[in-house]
N, C-alpha and C. Protein backbone atom coordinates (compact mmCIF):
# COMPACT_ATOMS: atom_id res chain seq x y z
N MET A 1 -48.20 10.02 -19.73
CA MET A 1 -47.38 9.66 -18.60
C MET A 1 -47.60 10.65 -17.47
N CYS A 2 -47.67 11.91 -17.80
CA CYS A 2 -47.90 12.90 -16.76
C CYS A 2 -49.26 12.71 -16.12
N LEU A 3 -50.24 12.30 -16.92
CA LEU A 3 -51.58 12.07 -16.39
C LEU A 3 -51.58 10.91 -15.41
N SER A 4 -50.81 9.88 -15.70
CA SER A 4 -50.76 8.74 -14.78
C SER A 4 -50.09 9.13 -13.47
N LEU A 5 -49.14 10.04 -13.51
CA LEU A 5 -48.51 10.49 -12.27
C LEU A 5 -49.47 11.31 -11.44
N LEU A 6 -50.29 12.10 -12.09
CA LEU A 6 -51.24 12.93 -11.36
C LEU A 6 -52.37 12.11 -10.78
N CYS A 7 -52.75 11.05 -11.46
CA CYS A 7 -53.88 10.24 -11.02
C CYS A 7 -53.48 9.17 -10.01
N ALA A 8 -52.21 8.97 -9.79
CA ALA A 8 -51.76 7.93 -8.87
C ALA A 8 -52.21 8.26 -7.46
N SER A 9 -52.55 7.25 -6.73
CA SER A 9 -53.03 7.48 -5.36
C SER A 9 -51.85 7.83 -4.47
N ALA A 10 -52.08 8.74 -3.61
CA ALA A 10 -51.03 9.19 -2.69
C ALA A 10 -50.97 8.25 -1.51
N GLU A 11 -49.80 7.74 -1.25
CA GLU A 11 -49.63 6.89 -0.09
C GLU A 11 -49.21 7.76 1.08
N SER A 12 -49.49 7.29 2.25
CA SER A 12 -49.13 8.08 3.42
C SER A 12 -47.62 7.99 3.64
N ALA A 13 -47.03 9.12 3.92
CA ALA A 13 -45.59 9.20 4.15
C ALA A 13 -45.33 9.38 5.63
N TYR A 14 -44.34 8.70 6.11
CA TYR A 14 -43.98 8.80 7.52
C TYR A 14 -42.64 9.49 7.63
N ALA A 15 -42.56 10.41 8.53
CA ALA A 15 -41.29 11.07 8.78
C ALA A 15 -40.49 10.21 9.74
N SER A 16 -39.28 9.91 9.37
CA SER A 16 -38.44 9.10 10.24
C SER A 16 -37.33 9.97 10.80
N THR A 17 -36.96 9.68 11.99
CA THR A 17 -35.87 10.44 12.61
C THR A 17 -34.55 9.74 12.31
N VAL A 18 -33.53 10.52 12.17
CA VAL A 18 -32.20 10.00 11.88
C VAL A 18 -31.42 9.96 13.18
N SER A 19 -30.91 8.79 13.48
CA SER A 19 -30.11 8.65 14.69
C SER A 19 -28.68 9.09 14.42
N SER A 20 -28.12 9.80 15.37
CA SER A 20 -26.74 10.27 15.18
C SER A 20 -25.77 9.54 16.08
N SER A 21 -26.21 8.41 16.64
CA SER A 21 -25.43 7.77 17.70
C SER A 21 -23.95 7.52 17.36
N PRO A 22 -23.57 6.68 16.40
CA PRO A 22 -22.12 6.52 16.21
C PRO A 22 -21.54 7.44 15.14
N LYS A 23 -22.39 8.12 14.40
CA LYS A 23 -21.90 8.89 13.25
C LYS A 23 -20.98 10.02 13.67
N GLY A 24 -21.34 10.74 14.71
CA GLY A 24 -20.51 11.85 15.17
C GLY A 24 -19.19 11.37 15.73
N THR A 25 -19.21 10.25 16.44
CA THR A 25 -17.98 9.71 17.01
C THR A 25 -17.03 9.24 15.91
N ILE A 26 -17.57 8.49 14.96
CA ILE A 26 -16.73 8.00 13.85
C ILE A 26 -16.22 9.17 13.01
N GLY A 27 -17.10 10.13 12.73
CA GLY A 27 -16.67 11.30 11.98
C GLY A 27 -15.61 12.09 12.73
N GLY A 28 -15.74 12.18 14.05
CA GLY A 28 -14.74 12.89 14.86
C GLY A 28 -13.40 12.18 14.83
N VAL A 29 -13.41 10.85 14.91
CA VAL A 29 -12.16 10.08 14.84
C VAL A 29 -11.47 10.33 13.51
N LEU A 30 -12.24 10.24 12.42
CA LEU A 30 -11.65 10.45 11.10
C LEU A 30 -11.13 11.88 10.94
N LEU A 31 -11.96 12.86 11.32
CA LEU A 31 -11.54 14.25 11.16
C LEU A 31 -10.34 14.59 12.02
N GLY A 32 -10.32 14.10 13.26
CA GLY A 32 -9.19 14.39 14.14
C GLY A 32 -7.88 13.85 13.59
N ALA A 33 -7.89 12.60 13.16
CA ALA A 33 -6.67 12.00 12.61
C ALA A 33 -6.25 12.69 11.32
N GLU A 34 -7.22 12.95 10.45
CA GLU A 34 -6.89 13.52 9.15
C GLU A 34 -6.40 14.96 9.26
N LEU A 35 -7.00 15.75 10.12
CA LEU A 35 -6.56 17.14 10.25
C LEU A 35 -5.14 17.22 10.79
N VAL A 36 -4.80 16.35 11.73
CA VAL A 36 -3.43 16.35 12.25
C VAL A 36 -2.46 15.91 11.17
N MET A 37 -2.79 14.86 10.44
CA MET A 37 -1.87 14.35 9.42
C MET A 37 -1.74 15.31 8.23
N ILE A 38 -2.82 15.96 7.86
CA ILE A 38 -2.73 16.95 6.79
C ILE A 38 -1.88 18.13 7.24
N SER A 39 -2.06 18.57 8.47
CA SER A 39 -1.26 19.68 9.00
C SER A 39 0.22 19.31 9.04
N GLU A 40 0.53 18.10 9.49
CA GLU A 40 1.93 17.67 9.53
C GLU A 40 2.54 17.63 8.13
N SER A 41 1.78 17.14 7.17
CA SER A 41 2.34 17.05 5.81
C SER A 41 2.51 18.42 5.18
N LEU A 42 1.64 19.37 5.52
CA LEU A 42 1.77 20.71 4.95
C LEU A 42 2.94 21.49 5.55
N ILE A 43 3.30 21.20 6.81
CA ILE A 43 4.45 21.91 7.39
C ILE A 43 5.77 21.20 7.09
N GLY A 44 5.70 20.01 6.48
CA GLY A 44 6.92 19.35 6.01
C GLY A 44 7.50 18.30 6.92
N VAL A 45 6.72 17.69 7.78
CA VAL A 45 7.23 16.62 8.63
C VAL A 45 7.49 15.40 7.76
N GLU A 46 8.68 14.78 7.91
CA GLU A 46 9.05 13.64 7.06
C GLU A 46 9.09 12.31 7.81
N ASP A 47 9.17 12.33 9.13
CA ASP A 47 9.28 11.09 9.91
C ASP A 47 7.92 10.41 9.98
N SER A 48 7.89 9.14 9.62
CA SER A 48 6.61 8.42 9.61
C SER A 48 6.10 8.15 11.02
N TRP A 49 6.99 8.04 12.01
CA TRP A 49 6.53 7.80 13.37
C TRP A 49 5.73 8.98 13.90
N SER A 50 6.05 10.20 13.47
CA SER A 50 5.29 11.36 13.95
C SER A 50 3.88 11.36 13.37
N TYR A 51 3.71 10.80 12.17
CA TYR A 51 2.37 10.69 11.61
C TYR A 51 1.55 9.66 12.38
N LEU A 52 2.19 8.56 12.79
CA LEU A 52 1.47 7.55 13.56
C LEU A 52 1.04 8.09 14.91
N ILE A 53 1.97 8.74 15.60
CA ILE A 53 1.64 9.27 16.93
C ILE A 53 0.65 10.43 16.81
N GLY A 54 0.91 11.37 15.91
CA GLY A 54 0.01 12.51 15.74
C GLY A 54 -1.36 12.10 15.28
N GLY A 55 -1.42 11.17 14.33
CA GLY A 55 -2.72 10.69 13.86
C GLY A 55 -3.48 9.96 14.94
N GLY A 56 -2.78 9.18 15.77
CA GLY A 56 -3.44 8.49 16.87
C GLY A 56 -3.99 9.45 17.91
N ILE A 57 -3.19 10.44 18.28
CA ILE A 57 -3.66 11.43 19.26
C ILE A 57 -4.81 12.24 18.68
N GLY A 58 -4.71 12.61 17.40
CA GLY A 58 -5.80 13.34 16.76
C GLY A 58 -7.07 12.51 16.68
N ALA A 59 -6.94 11.21 16.43
CA ALA A 59 -8.11 10.33 16.37
C ALA A 59 -8.77 10.22 17.74
N ILE A 60 -7.96 10.11 18.79
CA ILE A 60 -8.53 10.03 20.14
C ILE A 60 -9.25 11.32 20.49
N GLY A 61 -8.60 12.46 20.24
CA GLY A 61 -9.24 13.75 20.52
C GLY A 61 -10.48 13.96 19.69
N GLY A 62 -10.41 13.62 18.41
CA GLY A 62 -11.58 13.76 17.55
C GLY A 62 -12.71 12.84 17.95
N GLY A 63 -12.38 11.63 18.41
CA GLY A 63 -13.42 10.71 18.87
C GLY A 63 -14.13 11.23 20.10
N ILE A 64 -13.36 11.79 21.04
CA ILE A 64 -13.98 12.36 22.24
C ILE A 64 -14.85 13.55 21.86
N GLY A 65 -14.33 14.43 21.00
CA GLY A 65 -15.12 15.58 20.56
C GLY A 65 -16.35 15.15 19.78
N GLY A 66 -16.22 14.16 18.92
CA GLY A 66 -17.36 13.67 18.17
C GLY A 66 -18.42 13.06 19.06
N TYR A 67 -17.99 12.34 20.10
CA TYR A 67 -18.95 11.76 21.05
C TYR A 67 -19.70 12.86 21.79
N LEU A 68 -18.99 13.89 22.23
CA LEU A 68 -19.64 14.99 22.94
C LEU A 68 -20.60 15.75 22.03
N ILE A 69 -20.22 15.94 20.78
CA ILE A 69 -21.14 16.59 19.83
C ILE A 69 -22.34 15.70 19.57
N ASP A 70 -22.12 14.40 19.51
CA ASP A 70 -23.20 13.44 19.32
C ASP A 70 -24.23 13.54 20.44
N GLN A 71 -23.75 13.65 21.66
CA GLN A 71 -24.65 13.67 22.81
C GLN A 71 -25.37 15.00 22.97
N SER A 72 -24.74 16.10 22.55
CA SER A 72 -25.33 17.41 22.80
C SER A 72 -26.01 18.02 21.58
N ALA A 73 -25.83 17.47 20.42
CA ALA A 73 -26.39 18.08 19.21
C ALA A 73 -27.89 17.85 19.15
N LEU A 74 -28.61 18.94 18.92
CA LEU A 74 -30.05 18.84 18.76
C LEU A 74 -30.40 18.39 17.35
N ASN A 75 -29.55 18.72 16.42
CA ASN A 75 -29.78 18.38 15.03
C ASN A 75 -28.84 17.22 14.66
N PRO A 76 -29.37 16.07 14.27
CA PRO A 76 -28.49 14.93 13.94
C PRO A 76 -27.67 15.15 12.67
N TYR A 77 -28.02 16.13 11.89
CA TYR A 77 -27.28 16.36 10.65
C TYR A 77 -25.89 16.93 10.90
N VAL A 78 -25.64 17.44 12.11
CA VAL A 78 -24.29 17.86 12.46
C VAL A 78 -23.37 16.63 12.49
N SER A 79 -23.84 15.56 13.13
CA SER A 79 -23.06 14.32 13.19
C SER A 79 -22.87 13.71 11.82
N ILE A 80 -23.92 13.75 11.01
CA ILE A 80 -23.83 13.19 9.66
C ILE A 80 -22.84 14.01 8.82
N SER A 81 -22.84 15.32 9.01
CA SER A 81 -21.89 16.17 8.29
C SER A 81 -20.46 15.88 8.72
N MET A 82 -20.25 15.61 10.00
CA MET A 82 -18.91 15.25 10.47
C MET A 82 -18.44 13.95 9.83
N LEU A 83 -19.32 12.98 9.76
CA LEU A 83 -18.97 11.71 9.13
C LEU A 83 -18.67 11.90 7.65
N ALA A 84 -19.49 12.68 6.96
CA ALA A 84 -19.26 12.93 5.53
C ALA A 84 -17.94 13.67 5.32
N GLY A 85 -17.65 14.64 6.17
CA GLY A 85 -16.38 15.36 6.06
C GLY A 85 -15.19 14.46 6.31
N GLY A 86 -15.31 13.57 7.30
CA GLY A 86 -14.23 12.63 7.57
C GLY A 86 -13.99 11.68 6.42
N LEU A 87 -15.07 11.21 5.80
CA LEU A 87 -14.93 10.32 4.65
C LEU A 87 -14.38 11.06 3.44
N ALA A 88 -14.74 12.33 3.30
CA ALA A 88 -14.27 13.10 2.14
C ALA A 88 -12.78 13.41 2.23
N LEU A 89 -12.22 13.47 3.43
CA LEU A 89 -10.82 13.83 3.59
C LEU A 89 -9.87 12.63 3.63
N ILE A 90 -10.40 11.42 3.49
CA ILE A 90 -9.53 10.23 3.56
C ILE A 90 -8.49 10.25 2.43
N ILE A 91 -8.93 10.48 1.21
CA ILE A 91 -7.99 10.43 0.08
C ILE A 91 -6.99 11.58 0.11
N PRO A 92 -7.41 12.84 0.32
CA PRO A 92 -6.39 13.90 0.39
C PRO A 92 -5.38 13.69 1.52
N ALA A 93 -5.85 13.21 2.67
CA ALA A 93 -4.92 12.98 3.78
C ALA A 93 -3.94 11.88 3.43
N THR A 94 -4.40 10.83 2.78
CA THR A 94 -3.51 9.74 2.40
C THR A 94 -2.48 10.20 1.37
N VAL A 95 -2.92 10.94 0.37
CA VAL A 95 -2.00 11.41 -0.68
C VAL A 95 -0.95 12.35 -0.09
N LEU A 96 -1.37 13.29 0.74
CA LEU A 96 -0.42 14.24 1.32
C LEU A 96 0.57 13.54 2.26
N THR A 97 0.09 12.58 3.03
CA THR A 97 0.97 11.86 3.95
C THR A 97 1.98 11.02 3.19
N LEU A 98 1.54 10.30 2.18
CA LEU A 98 2.48 9.49 1.39
C LEU A 98 3.48 10.36 0.64
N ASN A 99 3.05 11.52 0.18
CA ASN A 99 3.97 12.43 -0.50
C ASN A 99 5.02 12.96 0.46
N ALA A 100 4.62 13.26 1.68
CA ALA A 100 5.57 13.83 2.65
C ALA A 100 6.56 12.79 3.15
N THR A 101 6.17 11.52 3.21
CA THR A 101 7.04 10.49 3.78
C THR A 101 7.73 9.64 2.72
N ARG A 102 7.66 10.03 1.46
CA ARG A 102 8.28 9.22 0.41
C ARG A 102 9.80 9.25 0.54
N TYR A 103 10.45 8.29 -0.08
CA TYR A 103 11.90 8.17 -0.03
C TYR A 103 12.53 9.25 -0.91
N ARG A 104 13.48 9.95 -0.35
CA ARG A 104 14.24 10.96 -1.09
C ARG A 104 15.72 10.61 -0.97
N PRO A 105 16.37 10.22 -2.06
CA PRO A 105 17.79 9.87 -1.97
C PRO A 105 18.63 11.10 -1.65
N SER A 106 19.75 10.87 -1.00
CA SER A 106 20.64 11.98 -0.65
C SER A 106 21.33 12.51 -1.90
N GLU A 107 21.89 13.69 -1.77
CA GLU A 107 22.54 14.33 -2.92
C GLU A 107 23.77 13.57 -3.39
N ASP A 108 24.51 12.94 -2.46
CA ASP A 108 25.73 12.25 -2.84
C ASP A 108 25.51 10.76 -3.13
N ALA A 109 24.27 10.37 -3.36
CA ALA A 109 23.98 8.98 -3.68
C ALA A 109 24.49 8.65 -5.07
N SER A 110 25.01 7.45 -5.23
CA SER A 110 25.52 7.04 -6.54
C SER A 110 24.59 5.99 -7.14
N GLU A 111 24.63 5.90 -8.44
CA GLU A 111 23.82 4.92 -9.14
C GLU A 111 24.46 3.55 -9.04
N ASP A 112 23.65 2.54 -8.81
CA ASP A 112 24.16 1.18 -8.81
C ASP A 112 24.42 0.74 -10.24
N GLN A 113 25.46 -0.04 -10.41
CA GLN A 113 25.79 -0.56 -11.73
C GLN A 113 25.27 -1.98 -11.85
N ALA A 114 24.64 -2.27 -12.95
CA ALA A 114 24.14 -3.61 -13.19
C ALA A 114 25.32 -4.55 -13.41
N PRO A 115 25.21 -5.81 -12.97
CA PRO A 115 26.32 -6.74 -13.18
C PRO A 115 26.50 -7.03 -14.67
N THR A 116 27.73 -7.29 -15.04
CA THR A 116 28.00 -7.64 -16.43
C THR A 116 27.53 -9.06 -16.68
N GLN A 117 27.55 -9.47 -17.93
CA GLN A 117 27.10 -10.82 -18.28
C GLN A 117 27.93 -11.88 -17.58
N GLU A 118 29.24 -11.69 -17.51
CA GLU A 118 30.11 -12.68 -16.88
C GLU A 118 29.80 -12.81 -15.39
N GLU A 119 29.60 -11.69 -14.72
CA GLU A 119 29.30 -11.73 -13.29
C GLU A 119 27.98 -12.42 -13.02
N SER A 120 26.98 -12.15 -13.86
CA SER A 120 25.68 -12.74 -13.60
C SER A 120 25.66 -14.24 -13.89
N ARG A 121 26.52 -14.72 -14.79
CA ARG A 121 26.55 -16.15 -15.09
C ARG A 121 27.29 -16.95 -14.03
N THR A 122 28.26 -16.35 -13.39
CA THR A 122 29.05 -17.11 -12.43
C THR A 122 28.35 -17.27 -11.09
N THR A 123 27.41 -16.44 -10.77
CA THR A 123 26.73 -16.56 -9.49
C THR A 123 25.53 -17.47 -9.63
N THR A 124 25.53 -18.53 -8.87
CA THR A 124 24.40 -19.45 -8.85
C THR A 124 23.96 -19.64 -7.41
N THR A 125 22.72 -19.96 -7.24
CA THR A 125 22.22 -20.26 -5.91
C THR A 125 22.06 -21.76 -5.81
N ALA A 126 22.96 -22.38 -5.07
CA ALA A 126 22.96 -23.83 -4.91
C ALA A 126 22.46 -24.19 -3.51
N LEU A 127 22.24 -25.47 -3.30
CA LEU A 127 21.80 -25.93 -1.99
C LEU A 127 22.89 -25.66 -0.96
N PHE A 128 24.15 -25.97 -1.31
CA PHE A 128 25.29 -25.68 -0.43
C PHE A 128 26.26 -24.78 -1.18
N GLN A 129 26.59 -23.65 -0.61
CA GLN A 129 27.55 -22.73 -1.21
C GLN A 129 28.73 -22.58 -0.26
N ILE A 130 29.91 -22.89 -0.78
CA ILE A 130 31.11 -22.85 0.05
C ILE A 130 32.14 -21.98 -0.66
N ASN A 131 32.63 -20.96 0.04
CA ASN A 131 33.74 -20.17 -0.46
C ASN A 131 34.66 -19.87 0.71
N PRO A 132 35.80 -19.24 0.50
CA PRO A 132 36.76 -19.07 1.60
C PRO A 132 36.23 -18.31 2.81
N THR A 133 35.23 -17.49 2.63
CA THR A 133 34.75 -16.69 3.77
C THR A 133 33.40 -17.12 4.31
N VAL A 134 32.58 -17.80 3.51
CA VAL A 134 31.21 -18.09 3.92
C VAL A 134 30.82 -19.51 3.54
N TRP A 135 30.09 -20.16 4.43
CA TRP A 135 29.42 -21.43 4.14
C TRP A 135 27.94 -21.17 4.25
N ARG A 136 27.18 -21.48 3.21
CA ARG A 136 25.74 -21.20 3.21
C ARG A 136 24.96 -22.43 2.80
N CYS A 137 23.77 -22.49 3.34
CA CYS A 137 22.79 -23.48 2.91
C CYS A 137 21.55 -22.68 2.49
N SER A 138 21.14 -22.84 1.24
CA SER A 138 20.02 -22.04 0.74
C SER A 138 19.15 -22.90 -0.17
N ILE A 139 18.12 -22.29 -0.69
CA ILE A 139 17.21 -23.00 -1.58
C ILE A 139 17.75 -22.90 -3.00
N PRO A 140 17.99 -24.03 -3.66
CA PRO A 140 18.53 -23.97 -5.03
C PRO A 140 17.48 -23.45 -6.00
N ILE A 141 17.95 -22.74 -7.01
CA ILE A 141 17.06 -22.19 -8.03
C ILE A 141 17.20 -23.04 -9.29
N PRO A 142 16.15 -23.74 -9.68
CA PRO A 142 16.24 -24.56 -10.89
C PRO A 142 16.26 -23.67 -12.13
N GLU A 143 16.96 -24.14 -13.16
CA GLU A 143 17.07 -23.41 -14.42
C GLU A 143 16.71 -24.34 -15.58
N ALA A 144 16.14 -23.77 -16.62
CA ALA A 144 15.91 -24.48 -17.88
C ALA A 144 16.70 -23.75 -18.95
N ARG A 145 17.66 -24.45 -19.58
CA ARG A 145 18.52 -23.84 -20.59
C ARG A 145 18.38 -24.61 -21.90
N PRO A 146 18.63 -23.94 -23.02
CA PRO A 146 18.64 -24.68 -24.29
C PRO A 146 19.85 -25.62 -24.33
N MET A 147 19.64 -26.80 -24.87
CA MET A 147 20.70 -27.80 -24.88
C MET A 147 21.76 -27.50 -25.94
N TYR A 148 21.36 -26.97 -27.08
CA TYR A 148 22.29 -26.72 -28.17
C TYR A 148 22.27 -25.25 -28.56
N SER A 149 23.40 -24.76 -29.03
CA SER A 149 23.44 -23.41 -29.60
C SER A 149 22.88 -23.48 -31.02
N HIS A 150 22.63 -22.33 -31.61
CA HIS A 150 22.13 -22.31 -32.99
C HIS A 150 23.14 -22.92 -33.96
N GLN A 151 24.41 -22.68 -33.71
CA GLN A 151 25.46 -23.23 -34.57
C GLN A 151 25.48 -24.75 -34.48
N GLU A 152 25.35 -25.31 -33.26
CA GLU A 152 25.36 -26.77 -33.09
C GLU A 152 24.13 -27.40 -33.73
N GLN A 153 22.99 -26.72 -33.66
CA GLN A 153 21.79 -27.25 -34.30
C GLN A 153 21.97 -27.36 -35.81
N LYS A 154 22.53 -26.32 -36.41
CA LYS A 154 22.74 -26.33 -37.87
C LYS A 154 23.80 -27.35 -38.27
N GLN A 155 24.85 -27.44 -37.46
CA GLN A 155 25.96 -28.32 -37.79
C GLN A 155 25.56 -29.79 -37.68
N HIS A 156 24.84 -30.16 -36.61
CA HIS A 156 24.51 -31.57 -36.38
C HIS A 156 23.09 -31.93 -36.82
N GLY A 157 22.27 -30.94 -37.12
CA GLY A 157 20.91 -31.21 -37.57
C GLY A 157 20.02 -31.80 -36.49
N VAL A 158 20.18 -31.34 -35.27
CA VAL A 158 19.38 -31.87 -34.17
C VAL A 158 18.34 -30.83 -33.74
N PRO A 159 17.18 -31.29 -33.25
CA PRO A 159 16.17 -30.33 -32.77
C PRO A 159 16.57 -29.78 -31.39
N GLN A 160 16.12 -28.59 -31.13
CA GLN A 160 16.42 -27.96 -29.84
C GLN A 160 15.66 -28.65 -28.72
N GLN A 161 16.34 -28.88 -27.62
CA GLN A 161 15.73 -29.45 -26.43
C GLN A 161 16.17 -28.63 -25.23
N LEU A 162 15.45 -28.79 -24.14
CA LEU A 162 15.81 -28.08 -22.92
C LEU A 162 16.51 -29.01 -21.96
N GLN A 163 17.46 -28.46 -21.25
CA GLN A 163 18.10 -29.22 -20.17
C GLN A 163 17.82 -28.47 -18.86
N PHE A 164 17.52 -29.22 -17.84
CA PHE A 164 17.18 -28.63 -16.54
C PHE A 164 18.35 -28.80 -15.58
N HIS A 165 18.67 -27.72 -14.87
CA HIS A 165 19.76 -27.72 -13.91
C HIS A 165 19.19 -27.40 -12.53
N LEU A 166 19.62 -28.19 -11.55
CA LEU A 166 19.29 -27.94 -10.15
C LEU A 166 20.60 -27.97 -9.39
N PRO A 167 21.22 -26.81 -9.15
CA PRO A 167 22.54 -26.79 -8.51
C PRO A 167 22.46 -27.23 -7.06
N LEU A 168 23.27 -28.24 -6.73
CA LEU A 168 23.29 -28.74 -5.37
C LEU A 168 24.46 -28.20 -4.57
N MET A 169 25.61 -27.98 -5.24
CA MET A 169 26.77 -27.50 -4.50
C MET A 169 27.55 -26.53 -5.37
N ASN A 170 27.97 -25.44 -4.75
CA ASN A 170 28.79 -24.43 -5.41
C ASN A 170 29.99 -24.18 -4.51
N VAL A 171 31.18 -24.56 -4.99
CA VAL A 171 32.40 -24.43 -4.18
C VAL A 171 33.35 -23.50 -4.90
N VAL A 172 33.87 -22.51 -4.18
CA VAL A 172 34.86 -21.58 -4.71
C VAL A 172 36.10 -21.69 -3.84
N PHE A 173 37.29 -21.90 -4.49
CA PHE A 173 38.54 -22.03 -3.73
C PHE A 173 39.29 -20.74 -3.75
């Protein structure tokens, strides 16, 4: 195998130049937005609107800087490095931003109590719901319930079947 590699004919190789035209600008936009958002999350900013405004201003500034570096750089690998750095910081910037803006309940928050069985059975969503304080028109929720209890099945010897309910009106006096 090594002999075949040595005996292979050498083809002519052409050096190609790498264009840096949009790479520096895109890398600058990414780096500008990410550096601002990472900085905000590290100092403890919690308002999401400040991340939007700061990230937007950072992206604009980074884009302008990236464009200027694109135009003046003699070596196109500077622009490519900016793009690679911007792509590499996407995940850390996202994780830090989401961590800083996550929901934090207040100290005096209370736990919600789940409804009891009786409460959950009495509330139905019907097409028309009328009670002393509210009149509503909503989308009814169809239900499929067993027709017989286990005791009724044993007592009467009937097979279990389903009954379908589509509540049209719910009136409370």
